[in-house]
Amino acid sequence: MDDFYCEQVLSKKTVVNVVAETTDAIAFHHTKPFWPVHIVVIPKVHVPSLTDLANYDASIVHAVMALVTQVAKQVEAEHGACRVLTNLGDYQDSKHLHFHVNYGAAFS
């Protein structure tokens, strides 16, 4: 499975705990969290990764980043800090653009 987010989350085969959702993007608690607070934000259309964004409409980027910002503000307000990261290439397990918004000691 190369795209967990399309094959499982967006198809609703895997139920997720949604944090926030727009027409173009969704944020939800990671199904196997690494950090105490671990939220994933994805576009609702398939975009392989951050380095592929030039091939897609800029509105997708805006929609995803607006939701990342909203969720990051919420985590920062609740915990005093947060991290936002994405993975590329071999580090990217699911080949669907996604951002991790997280807080917790696993990275400290």
PDB file of N, CA and C in Angstrom:
ATOM      1  N   MET A   1       0.850  -1.177   0.000  1.00  0.00           N
ATOM      2  CA  MET A   1       0.000   0.000   0.000  1.00  0.00           C
ATOM      3  C   MET A   1       0.894   1.238   0.000  1.00  0.00           C
ATOM      4  N   ASP A   2       0.864   2.009  -1.079  1.00  0.00           N
ATOM      5  CA  ASP A   2       1.687   3.202  -1.190  1.00  0.00           C
ATOM      6  C   ASP A   2       0.985   4.463  -0.710  1.00  0.00           C
ATOM      7  N   ASP A   3      -0.338   4.448  -0.655  1.00  0.00           N
ATOM      8  CA  ASP A   3      -1.075   5.652  -0.278  1.00  0.00           C
ATOM      9  C   ASP A   3      -2.156   5.308   0.740  1.00  0.00           C
ATOM     10  N   PHE A   4      -1.752   5.208   1.986  1.00  0.00           N
ATOM     11  CA  PHE A   4      -2.678   4.906   3.074  1.00  0.00           C
ATOM     12  C   PHE A   4      -3.816   5.919   3.126  1.00  0.00           C
ATOM     13  N   TYR A   5      -3.501   7.175   2.855  1.00  0.00           N
ATOM     14  CA  TYR A   5      -4.501   8.228   3.013  1.00  0.00           C
ATOM     15  C   TYR A   5      -5.624   8.117   1.982  1.00  0.00           C
ATOM     16  N   CYS A   6      -5.305   7.831   0.724  1.00  0.00           N
ATOM     17  CA  CYS A   6      -6.361   7.621  -0.279  1.00  0.00           C
ATOM     18  C   CYS A   6      -7.041   6.276  -0.077  1.00  0.00           C
ATOM     19  N   GLU A   7      -6.227   5.244   0.109  1.00  0.00           N
ATOM     20  CA  GLU A   7      -6.765   3.882   0.156  1.00  0.00           C
ATOM     21  C   GLU A   7      -7.551   3.584   1.430  1.00  0.00           C
ATOM     22  N   GLN A   8      -7.222   4.243   2.521  1.00  0.00           N
ATOM     23  CA  GLN A   8      -7.870   3.926   3.789  1.00  0.00           C
ATOM     24  C   GLN A   8      -8.670   5.089   4.377  1.00  0.00           C
ATOM     25  N   VAL A   9      -8.037   6.246   4.517  1.00  0.00           N
ATOM     26  CA  VAL A   9      -8.696   7.366   5.209  1.00  0.00           C
ATOM     27  C   VAL A   9      -9.759   8.025   4.339  1.00  0.00           C
ATOM     28  N   LEU A  10      -9.381   8.474   3.158  1.00  0.00           N
ATOM     29  CA  LEU A  10     -10.342   9.185   2.307  1.00  0.00           C
ATOM     30  C   LEU A  10     -11.442   8.270   1.789  1.00  0.00           C
ATOM     31  N   SER A  11     -11.150   6.985   1.668  1.00  0.00           N
ATOM     32  CA  SER A  11     -12.170   6.023   1.247  1.00  0.00           C
ATOM     33  C   SER A  11     -13.071   5.607   2.413  1.00  0.00           C
ATOM     34  N   LYS A  12     -12.681   6.023   3.628  1.00  0.00           N
ATOM     35  CA  LYS A  12     -13.402   5.729   4.880  1.00  0.00           C
ATOM     36  C   LYS A  12     -13.335   4.259   5.292  1.00  0.00           C
ATOM     37  N   LYS A  13     -12.383   3.503   4.719  1.00  0.00           N
ATOM     38  CA  LYS A  13     -12.173   2.123   5.167  1.00  0.00           C
ATOM     39  C   LYS A  13     -11.603   2.100   6.578  1.00  0.00           C
ATOM     40  N   THR A  14     -10.808   3.120   6.897  1.00  0.00           N
ATOM     41  CA  THR A  14     -10.277   3.289   8.244  1.00  0.00           C
ATOM     42  C   THR A  14     -10.936   4.517   8.850  1.00  0.00           C
ATOM     43  N   VAL A  15     -11.560   4.336   9.987  1.00  0.00           N
ATOM     44  CA  VAL A  15     -12.217   5.453  10.681  1.00  0.00           C
ATOM     45  C   VAL A  15     -11.159   6.243  11.436  1.00  0.00           C
ATOM     46  N   VAL A  16     -11.192   7.560  11.293  1.00  0.00           N
ATOM     47  CA  VAL A  16     -10.238   8.426  11.976  1.00  0.00           C
ATOM     48  C   VAL A  16     -10.984   9.429  12.858  1.00  0.00           C
ATOM     49  N   ASN A  17     -10.271   9.929  13.856  1.00  0.00           N
ATOM     50  CA  ASN A  17     -10.798  10.943  14.762  1.00  0.00           C
ATOM     51  C   ASN A  17     -10.468  12.312  14.171  1.00  0.00           C
ATOM     52  N   VAL A  18     -11.441  12.930  13.519  1.00  0.00           N
ATOM     53  CA  VAL A  18     -11.241  14.190  12.797  1.00  0.00           C
ATOM     54  C   VAL A  18     -11.120  15.349  13.776  1.00  0.00           C
ATOM     55  N   VAL A  19     -10.096  16.169  13.543  1.00  0.00           N
ATOM     56  CA  VAL A  19      -9.844  17.373  14.334  1.00  0.00           C
ATOM     57  C   VAL A  19     -10.486  18.579  13.655  1.00  0.00           C
ATOM     58  N   ALA A  20     -10.308  18.659  12.332  1.00  0.00           N
ATOM     59  CA  ALA A  20     -10.862  19.762  11.535  1.00  0.00           C
ATOM     60  C   ALA A  20     -10.945  19.296  10.090  1.00  0.00           C
ATOM     61  N   GLU A  21     -11.881  19.901   9.360  1.00  0.00           N
ATOM     62  CA  GLU A  21     -12.075  19.495   7.966  1.00  0.00           C
ATOM     63  C   GLU A  21     -12.601  20.662   7.159  1.00  0.00           C
ATOM     64  N   THR A  22     -12.117  20.756   5.932  1.00  0.00           N
ATOM     65  CA  THR A  22     -12.626  21.740   4.979  1.00  0.00           C
ATOM     66  C   THR A  22     -13.033  20.973   3.723  1.00  0.00           C
ATOM     67  N   THR A  23     -13.467  21.679   2.733  1.00  0.00           N
ATOM     68  CA  THR A  23     -13.828  21.054   1.459  1.00  0.00           C
ATOM     69  C   THR A  23     -12.631  20.350   0.837  1.00  0.00           C
ATOM     70  N   ASP A  24     -11.418  20.912   1.031  1.00  0.00           N
ATOM     71  CA  ASP A  24     -10.229  20.429   0.331  1.00  0.00           C
ATOM     72  C   ASP A  24      -9.207  19.689   1.183  1.00  0.00           C
ATOM     73  N   ALA A  25      -9.358  19.727   2.515  1.00  0.00           N
ATOM     74  CA  ALA A  25      -8.345  19.120   3.384  1.00  0.00           C
ATOM     75  C   ALA A  25      -8.989  18.579   4.654  1.00  0.00           C
ATOM     76  N   ILE A  26      -8.265  17.657   5.293  1.00  0.00           N
ATOM     77  CA  ILE A  26      -8.766  17.070   6.530  1.00  0.00           C
ATOM     78  C   ILE A  26      -7.593  16.895   7.500  1.00  0.00           C
ATOM     79  N   ALA A  27      -7.866  17.138   8.778  1.00  0.00           N
ATOM     80  CA  ALA A  27      -6.890  16.942   9.847  1.00  0.00           C
ATOM     81  C   ALA A  27      -7.482  15.931  10.821  1.00  0.00           C
ATOM     82  N   PHE A  28      -6.661  14.961  11.218  1.00  0.00           N
ATOM     83  CA  PHE A  28      -7.158  13.916  12.110  1.00  0.00           C
ATOM     84  C   PHE A  28      -6.022  13.386  12.973  1.00  0.00           C
ATOM     85  N   HIS A  29      -6.388  12.771  14.088  1.00  0.00           N
ATOM     86  CA  HIS A  29      -5.388  12.162  14.955  1.00  0.00           C
ATOM     87  C   HIS A  29      -4.784  10.960  14.244  1.00  0.00           C
ATOM     88  N   HIS A  30      -3.464  10.874  14.284  1.00  0.00           N
ATOM     89  CA  HIS A  30      -2.739   9.769  13.645  1.00  0.00           C
ATOM     90  C   HIS A  30      -3.260   8.440  14.180  1.00  0.00           C
ATOM     91  N   THR A  31      -3.377   7.449  13.315  1.00  0.00           N
ATOM     92  CA  THR A  31      -3.906   6.150  13.730  1.00  0.00           C
ATOM     93  C   THR A  31      -2.902   5.350  14.561  1.00  0.00           C
ATOM     94  N   LYS A  32      -1.620   5.676  14.446  1.00  0.00           N
ATOM     95  CA  LYS A  32      -0.562   5.033  15.252  1.00  0.00           C
ATOM     96  C   LYS A  32       0.387   6.137  15.719  1.00  0.00           C
ATOM     97  N   PRO A  33      -0.037   6.947  16.699  1.00  0.00           N
ATOM     98  CA  PRO A  33       0.737   8.128  17.079  1.00  0.00           C
ATOM     99  C   PRO A  33       2.129   7.816  17.634  1.00  0.00           C
ATOM    100  N   PHE A  34       3.078   8.654  17.252  1.00  0.00           N
ATOM    101  CA  PHE A  34       4.444   8.582  17.748  1.00  0.00           C
ATOM    102  C   PHE A  34       4.631   9.553  18.906  1.00  0.00           C
ATOM    103  N   TRP A  35       3.905  10.657  18.875  1.00  0.00           N
ATOM    104  CA  TRP A  35       3.962  11.684  19.910  1.00  0.00           C
ATOM    105  C   TRP A  35       2.648  11.695  20.688  1.00  0.00           C
ATOM    106  N   PRO A  36       2.648  12.239  21.904  1.00  0.00           N
ATOM    107  CA  PRO A  36       1.398  12.324  22.668  1.00  0.00           C
ATOM    108  C   PRO A  36       0.289  13.075  21.914  1.00  0.00           C
ATOM    109  N   VAL A  37       0.651  14.136  21.218  1.00  0.00           N
ATOM    110  CA  VAL A  37      -0.278  14.827  20.316  1.00  0.00           C
ATOM    111  C   VAL A  37       0.286  14.635  18.917  1.00  0.00           C
ATOM    112  N   HIS A  38      -0.452  13.950  18.051  1.00  0.00           N
ATOM    113  CA  HIS A  38       0.045  13.634  16.709  1.00  0.00           C
ATOM    114  C   HIS A  38      -1.128  13.705  15.731  1.00  0.00           C
ATOM    115  N   ILE A  39      -1.197  14.820  15.029  1.00  0.00           N
ATOM    116  CA  ILE A  39      -2.288  15.098  14.093  1.00  0.00           C
ATOM    117  C   ILE A  39      -1.721  15.123  12.678  1.00  0.00           C
ATOM    118  N   VAL A  40      -2.439  14.535  11.744  1.00  0.00           N
ATOM    119  CA  VAL A  40      -2.033  14.502  10.342  1.00  0.00           C
ATOM    120  C   VAL A  40      -2.987  15.390   9.545  1.00  0.00           C
ATOM    121  N   VAL A  41      -2.420  16.188   8.635  1.00  0.00           N
ATOM    122  CA  VAL A  41      -3.224  17.043   7.759  1.00  0.00           C
ATOM    123  C   VAL A  41      -2.906  16.638   6.318  1.00  0.00           C
ATOM    124  N   ILE A  42      -3.968  16.351   5.542  1.00  0.00           N
ATOM    125  CA  ILE A  42      -3.794  15.909   4.152  1.00  0.00           C
ATOM    126  C   ILE A  42      -4.763  16.636   3.230  1.00  0.00           C
ATOM    127  N   PRO A  43      -4.389  16.755   1.949  1.00  0.00           N
ATOM    128  CA  PRO A  43      -5.372  17.226   0.970  1.00  0.00           C
ATOM    129  C   PRO A  43      -6.329  16.073   0.654  1.00  0.00           C
ATOM    130  N   LYS A  44      -7.531  16.405   0.238  1.00  0.00           N
ATOM    131  CA  LYS A  44      -8.513  15.383  -0.113  1.00  0.00           C
ATOM    132  C   LYS A  44      -8.339  14.850  -1.534  1.00  0.00           C
ATOM    133  N   VAL A  45      -7.430  15.446  -2.284  1.00  0.00           N
ATOM    134  CA  VAL A  45      -7.074  14.922  -3.607  1.00  0.00           C
ATOM    135  C   VAL A  45      -5.667  14.357  -3.503  1.00  0.00           C
ATOM    136  N   HIS A  46      -5.358  13.412  -4.364  1.00  0.00           N
ATOM    137  CA  HIS A  46      -4.038  12.796  -4.314  1.00  0.00           C
ATOM    138  C   HIS A  46      -2.964  13.736  -4.839  1.00  0.00           C
ATOM    139  N   VAL A  47      -2.022  14.064  -3.971  1.00  0.00           N
ATOM    140  CA  VAL A  47      -0.796  14.771  -4.318  1.00  0.00           C
ATOM    141  C   VAL A  47       0.313  13.907  -3.725  1.00  0.00           C
ATOM    142  N   PRO A  48       1.243  13.407  -4.537  1.00  0.00           N
ATOM    143  CA  PRO A  48       2.227  12.461  -4.023  1.00  0.00           C
ATOM    144  C   PRO A  48       3.110  12.992  -2.881  1.00  0.00           C
ATOM    145  N   SER A  49       3.625  14.209  -3.008  1.00  0.00           N
ATOM    146  CA  SER A  49       4.482  14.742  -1.952  1.00  0.00           C
ATOM    147  C   SER A  49       4.689  16.241  -2.135  1.00  0.00           C
ATOM    148  N   LEU A  50       5.390  16.820  -1.199  1.00  0.00           N
ATOM    149  CA  LEU A  50       5.688  18.252  -1.235  1.00  0.00           C
ATOM    150  C   LEU A  50       6.439  18.629  -2.511  1.00  0.00           C
ATOM    151  N   THR A  51       7.321  17.771  -2.970  1.00  0.00           N
ATOM    152  CA  THR A  51       8.112  18.087  -4.160  1.00  0.00           C
ATOM    153  C   THR A  51       7.323  17.956  -5.463  1.00  0.00           C
ATOM    154  N   ASP A  52       6.084  17.497  -5.386  1.00  0.00           N
ATOM    155  CA  ASP A  52       5.221  17.379  -6.568  1.00  0.00           C
ATOM    156  C   ASP A  52       4.215  18.523  -6.690  1.00  0.00           C
ATOM    157  N   LEU A  53       4.239  19.457  -5.766  1.00  0.00           N
ATOM    158  CA  LEU A  53       3.203  20.501  -5.733  1.00  0.00           C
ATOM    159  C   LEU A  53       3.146  21.353  -6.993  1.00  0.00           C
ATOM    160  N   ALA A  54       4.237  21.516  -7.693  1.00  0.00           N
ATOM    161  CA  ALA A  54       4.236  22.345  -8.909  1.00  0.00           C
ATOM    162  C   ALA A  54       3.283  21.801  -9.965  1.00  0.00           C
ATOM    163  N   ASN A  55       2.952  20.530  -9.875  1.00  0.00           N
ATOM    164  CA  ASN A  55       2.062  19.902 -10.848  1.00  0.00           C
ATOM    165  C   ASN A  55       0.582  20.021 -10.490  1.00  0.00           C
ATOM    166  N   TYR A  56       0.270  20.740  -9.421  1.00  0.00           N
ATOM    167  CA  TYR A  56      -1.103  20.835  -8.932  1.00  0.00           C
ATOM    168  C   TYR A  56      -1.524  22.285  -8.783  1.00  0.00           C
ATOM    169  N   ASP A  57      -2.823  22.505  -8.763  1.00  0.00           N
ATOM    170  CA  ASP A  57      -3.396  23.832  -8.596  1.00  0.00           C
ATOM    171  C   ASP A  57      -2.953  24.431  -7.262  1.00  0.00           C
ATOM    172  N   ALA A  58      -2.548  25.665  -7.282  1.00  0.00           N
ATOM    173  CA  ALA A  58      -2.061  26.345  -6.077  1.00  0.00           C
ATOM    174  C   ALA A  58      -3.116  26.400  -4.973  1.00  0.00           C
ATOM    175  N   SER A  59      -4.385  26.304  -5.335  1.00  0.00           N
ATOM    176  CA  SER A  59      -5.429  26.357  -4.310  1.00  0.00           C
ATOM    177  C   SER A  59      -5.341  25.168  -3.357  1.00  0.00           C
ATOM    178  N   ILE A  60      -4.831  24.027  -3.835  1.00  0.00           N
ATOM    179  CA  ILE A  60      -4.654  22.860  -2.974  1.00  0.00           C
ATOM    180  C   ILE A  60      -3.631  23.168  -1.891  1.00  0.00           C
ATOM    181  N   VAL A  61      -2.524  23.768  -2.303  1.00  0.00           N
ATOM    182  CA  VAL A  61      -1.475  24.143  -1.357  1.00  0.00           C
ATOM    183  C   VAL A  61      -2.032  25.095  -0.313  1.00  0.00           C
ATOM    184  N   HIS A  62      -2.750  26.086  -0.760  1.00  0.00           N
ATOM    185  CA  HIS A  62      -3.328  27.072   0.159  1.00  0.00           C
ATOM    186  C   HIS A  62      -4.281  26.406   1.146  1.00  0.00           C
ATOM    187  N   ALA A  63      -5.133  25.546   0.661  1.00  0.00           N
ATOM    188  CA  ALA A  63      -6.116  24.887   1.527  1.00  0.00           C
ATOM    189  C   ALA A  63      -5.448  24.024   2.586  1.00  0.00           C
ATOM    190  N   VAL A  64      -4.451  23.259   2.176  1.00  0.00           N
ATOM    191  CA  VAL A  64      -3.755  22.392   3.130  1.00  0.00           C
ATOM    192  C   VAL A  64      -2.988  23.232   4.150  1.00  0.00           C
ATOM    193  N   MET A  65      -2.258  24.230   3.685  1.00  0.00           N
ATOM    194  CA  MET A  65      -1.467  25.051   4.609  1.00  0.00           C
ATOM    195  C   MET A  65      -2.360  25.869   5.556  1.00  0.00           C
ATOM    196  N   ALA A  66      -3.518  26.282   5.086  1.00  0.00           N
ATOM    197  CA  ALA A  66      -4.449  26.997   5.970  1.00  0.00           C
ATOM    198  C   ALA A  66      -4.915  26.071   7.094  1.00  0.00           C
ATOM    199  N   LEU A  67      -5.180  24.808   6.775  1.00  0.00           N
ATOM    200  CA  LEU A  67      -5.613  23.867   7.797  1.00  0.00           C
ATOM    201  C   LEU A  67      -4.447  23.494   8.720  1.00  0.00           C
ATOM    202  N   VAL A  68      -3.246  23.329   8.173  1.00  0.00           N
ATOM    203  CA  VAL A  68      -2.058  23.082   9.005  1.00  0.00           C
ATOM    204  C   VAL A  68      -1.890  24.232   9.995  1.00  0.00           C
ATOM    205  N   THR A  69      -2.025  25.450   9.525  1.00  0.00           N
ATOM    206  CA  THR A  69      -1.885  26.629  10.386  1.00  0.00           C
ATOM    207  C   THR A  69      -2.934  26.637  11.486  1.00  0.00           C
ATOM    208  N   GLN A  70      -4.166  26.355  11.134  1.00  0.00           N
ATOM    209  CA  GLN A  70      -5.262  26.323  12.116  1.00  0.00           C
ATOM    210  C   GLN A  70      -4.988  25.280  13.200  1.00  0.00           C
ATOM    211  N   VAL A  71      -4.604  24.089  12.793  1.00  0.00           N
ATOM    212  CA  VAL A  71      -4.358  23.007  13.753  1.00  0.00           C
ATOM    213  C   VAL A  71      -3.121  23.310  14.598  1.00  0.00           C
ATOM    214  N   ALA A  72      -2.065  23.823  13.974  1.00  0.00           N
ATOM    215  CA  ALA A  72      -0.851  24.163  14.716  1.00  0.00           C
ATOM    216  C   ALA A  72      -1.127  25.239  15.764  1.00  0.00           C
ATOM    217  N   LYS A  73      -1.923  26.237  15.422  1.00  0.00           N
ATOM    218  CA  LYS A  73      -2.302  27.280  16.393  1.00  0.00           C
ATOM    219  C   LYS A  73      -3.035  26.678  17.584  1.00  0.00           C
ATOM    220  N   GLN A  74      -3.917  25.737  17.293  1.00  0.00           N
ATOM    221  CA  GLN A  74      -4.693  25.078  18.340  1.00  0.00           C
ATOM    222  C   GLN A  74      -3.772  24.276  19.276  1.00  0.00           C
ATOM    223  N   VAL A  75      -2.855  23.505  18.703  1.00  0.00           N
ATOM    224  CA  VAL A  75      -1.927  22.705  19.512  1.00  0.00           C
ATOM    225  C   VAL A  75      -1.006  23.618  20.312  1.00  0.00           C
ATOM    226  N   GLU A  76      -0.503  24.661  19.679  1.00  0.00           N
ATOM    227  CA  GLU A  76       0.369  25.616  20.380  1.00  0.00           C
ATOM    228  C   GLU A  76      -0.370  26.289  21.531  1.00  0.00           C
ATOM    229  N   ALA A  77      -1.613  26.677  21.318  1.00  0.00           N
ATOM    230  CA  ALA A  77      -2.399  27.319  22.378  1.00  0.00           C
ATOM    231  C   ALA A  77      -2.639  26.362  23.543  1.00  0.00           C
ATOM    232  N   GLU A  78      -2.866  25.092  23.245  1.00  0.00           N
ATOM    233  CA  GLU A  78      -3.144  24.108  24.300  1.00  0.00           C
ATOM    234  C   GLU A  78      -1.889  23.642  25.030  1.00  0.00           C
ATOM    235  N   HIS A  79      -0.747  23.576  24.340  1.00  0.00           N
ATOM    236  CA  HIS A  79       0.456  22.962  24.911  1.00  0.00           C
ATOM    237  C   HIS A  79       1.660  23.895  25.004  1.00  0.00           C
ATOM    238  N   GLY A  80       1.572  25.081  24.420  1.00  0.00           N
ATOM    239  CA  GLY A  80       2.677  26.030  24.485  1.00  0.00           C
ATOM    240  C   GLY A  80       3.693  25.892  23.364  1.00  0.00           C
ATOM    241  N   ALA A  81       3.588  24.834  22.573  1.00  0.00           N
ATOM    242  CA  ALA A  81       4.522  24.605  21.468  1.00  0.00           C
ATOM    243  C   ALA A  81       3.970  23.505  20.564  1.00  0.00           C
ATOM    244  N   CYS A  82       4.540  23.391  19.374  1.00  0.00           N
ATOM    245  CA  CYS A  82       4.251  22.255  18.491  1.00  0.00           C
ATOM    246  C   CYS A  82       5.281  22.216  17.387  1.00  0.00           C
ATOM    247  N   ARG A  83       5.300  21.117  16.669  1.00  0.00           N
ATOM    248  CA  ARG A  83       6.155  20.951  15.497  1.00  0.00           C
ATOM    249  C   ARG A  83       5.265  20.645  14.300  1.00  0.00           C
ATOM    250  N   VAL A  84       5.718  21.077  13.124  1.00  0.00           N
ATOM    251  CA  VAL A  84       5.053  20.729  11.875  1.00  0.00           C
ATOM    252  C   VAL A  84       6.132  20.156  10.973  1.00  0.00           C
ATOM    253  N   LEU A  85       5.880  18.961  10.441  1.00  0.00           N
ATOM    254  CA  LEU A  85       6.880  18.368   9.561  1.00  0.00           C
ATOM    255  C   LEU A  85       6.224  17.538   8.474  1.00  0.00           C
ATOM    256  N   THR A  86       6.989  17.332   7.408  1.00  0.00           N
ATOM    257  CA  THR A  86       6.581  16.430   6.343  1.00  0.00           C
ATOM    258  C   THR A  86       7.802  15.621   5.940  1.00  0.00           C
ATOM    259  N   ASN A  87       7.589  14.477   5.338  1.00  0.00           N
ATOM    260  CA  ASN A  87       8.685  13.617   4.914  1.00  0.00           C
ATOM    261  C   ASN A  87       8.693  13.504   3.399  1.00  0.00           C
ATOM    262  N   LEU A  88       9.870  13.228   2.843  1.00  0.00           N
ATOM    263  CA  LEU A  88      10.032  13.095   1.398  1.00  0.00           C
ATOM    264  C   LEU A  88      10.825  11.836   1.066  1.00  0.00           C
ATOM    265  N   GLY A  89      10.658  11.352  -0.137  1.00  0.00           N
ATOM    266  CA  GLY A  89      11.447  10.214  -0.609  1.00  0.00           C
ATOM    267  C   GLY A  89      11.270   8.977   0.256  1.00  0.00           C
ATOM    268  N   ASP A  90      12.380   8.338   0.575  1.00  0.00           N
ATOM    269  CA  ASP A  90      12.337   7.101   1.356  1.00  0.00           C
ATOM    270  C   ASP A  90      11.779   7.304   2.759  1.00  0.00           C
ATOM    271  N   TYR A  91      11.826   8.531   3.283  1.00  0.00           N
ATOM    272  CA  TYR A  91      11.270   8.813   4.609  1.00  0.00           C
ATOM    273  C   TYR A  91       9.749   8.853   4.595  1.00  0.00           C
ATOM    274  N   GLN A  92       9.159   8.977   3.428  1.00  0.00           N
ATOM    275  CA  GLN A  92       7.714   9.130   3.312  1.00  0.00           C
ATOM    276  C   GLN A  92       7.066   7.758   3.121  1.00  0.00           C
ATOM    277  N   ASP A  93       6.500   7.213   4.199  1.00  0.00           N
ATOM    278  CA  ASP A  93       5.872   5.887   4.133  1.00  0.00           C
ATOM    279  C   ASP A  93       4.654   5.875   3.221  1.00  0.00           C
ATOM    280  N   SER A  94       3.781   6.863   3.360  1.00  0.00           N
ATOM    281  CA  SER A  94       2.599   6.954   2.513  1.00  0.00           C
ATOM    282  C   SER A  94       2.850   8.013   1.448  1.00  0.00           C
ATOM    283  N   LYS A  95       2.728   7.627   0.205  1.00  0.00           N
ATOM    284  CA  LYS A  95       3.020   8.533  -0.910  1.00  0.00           C
ATOM    285  C   LYS A  95       1.829   9.431  -1.224  1.00  0.00           C
ATOM    286  N   HIS A  96       1.452  10.217  -0.223  1.00  0.00           N
ATOM    287  CA  HIS A  96       0.369  11.198  -0.315  1.00  0.00           C
ATOM    288  C   HIS A  96       0.827  12.365   0.555  1.00  0.00           C
ATOM    289  N   LEU A  97       0.800  13.561   0.015  1.00  0.00           N
ATOM    290  CA  LEU A  97       1.234  14.729   0.778  1.00  0.00           C
ATOM    291  C   LEU A  97       0.544  14.758   2.131  1.00  0.00           C
ATOM    292  N   HIS A  98       1.332  14.877   3.187  1.00  0.00           N
ATOM    293  CA  HIS A  98       0.757  14.982   4.519  1.00  0.00           C
ATOM    294  C   HIS A  98       1.724  15.711   5.440  1.00  0.00           C
ATOM    295  N   PHE A  99       1.149  16.400   6.383  1.00  0.00           N
ATOM    296  CA  PHE A  99       1.918  17.130   7.389  1.00  0.00           C
ATOM    297  C   PHE A  99       1.570  16.572   8.753  1.00  0.00           C
ATOM    298  N   HIS A 100       2.592  16.413   9.588  1.00  0.00           N
ATOM    299  CA  HIS A 100       2.408  15.985  10.971  1.00  0.00           C
ATOM    300  C   HIS A 100       2.463  17.235  11.842  1.00  0.00           C
ATOM    301  N   VAL A 101       1.437  17.450  12.629  1.00  0.00           N
ATOM    302  CA  VAL A 101       1.414  18.518  13.631  1.00  0.00           C
ATOM    303  C   VAL A 101       1.491  17.779  14.954  1.00  0.00           C
ATOM    304  N   ASN A 102       2.572  18.022  15.713  1.00  0.00           N
ATOM    305  CA  ASN A 102       2.756  17.221  16.893  1.00  0.00           C
ATOM    306  C   ASN A 102       3.313  18.002  18.067  1.00  0.00           C
ATOM    307  N   TYR A 103       3.133  17.416  19.221  1.00  0.00           N
ATOM    308  CA  TYR A 103       3.678  17.939  20.466  1.00  0.00           C
ATOM    309  C   TYR A 103       4.007  16.742  21.340  1.00  0.00           C
ATOM    310  N   GLY A 104       5.143  16.773  21.966  1.00  0.00           N
ATOM    311  CA  GLY A 104       5.453  15.708  22.918  1.00  0.00           C
ATOM    312  C   GLY A 104       6.923  15.410  23.016  1.00  0.00           C
ATOM    313  N   ALA A 105       7.258  14.623  23.999  1.00  0.00           N
ATOM    314  CA  ALA A 105       8.642  14.359  24.379  1.00  0.00           C
ATOM    315  C   ALA A 105       9.395  13.438  23.424  1.00  0.00           C
ATOM    316  N   ALA A 106       8.755  12.766  22.520  1.00  0.00           N
ATOM    317  CA  ALA A 106       9.455  11.820  21.648  1.00  0.00           C
ATOM    318  C   ALA A 106      10.538  12.503  20.810  1.00  0.00           C
ATOM    319  N   PHE A 107      10.421  13.796  20.562  1.00  0.00           N
ATOM    320  CA  PHE A 107      11.384  14.545  19.756  1.00  0.00           C
ATOM    321  C   PHE A 107      12.268  15.441  20.605  1.00  0.00           C
ATOM    322  N   SER A 108      11.950  15.615  21.864  1.00  0.00           N
ATOM    323  CA  SER A 108      12.664  16.573  22.713  1.00  0.00           C
ATOM    324  C   SER A 108      14.075  16.151  23.003  1.00  0.00           C
TER     325      SER A 108
END
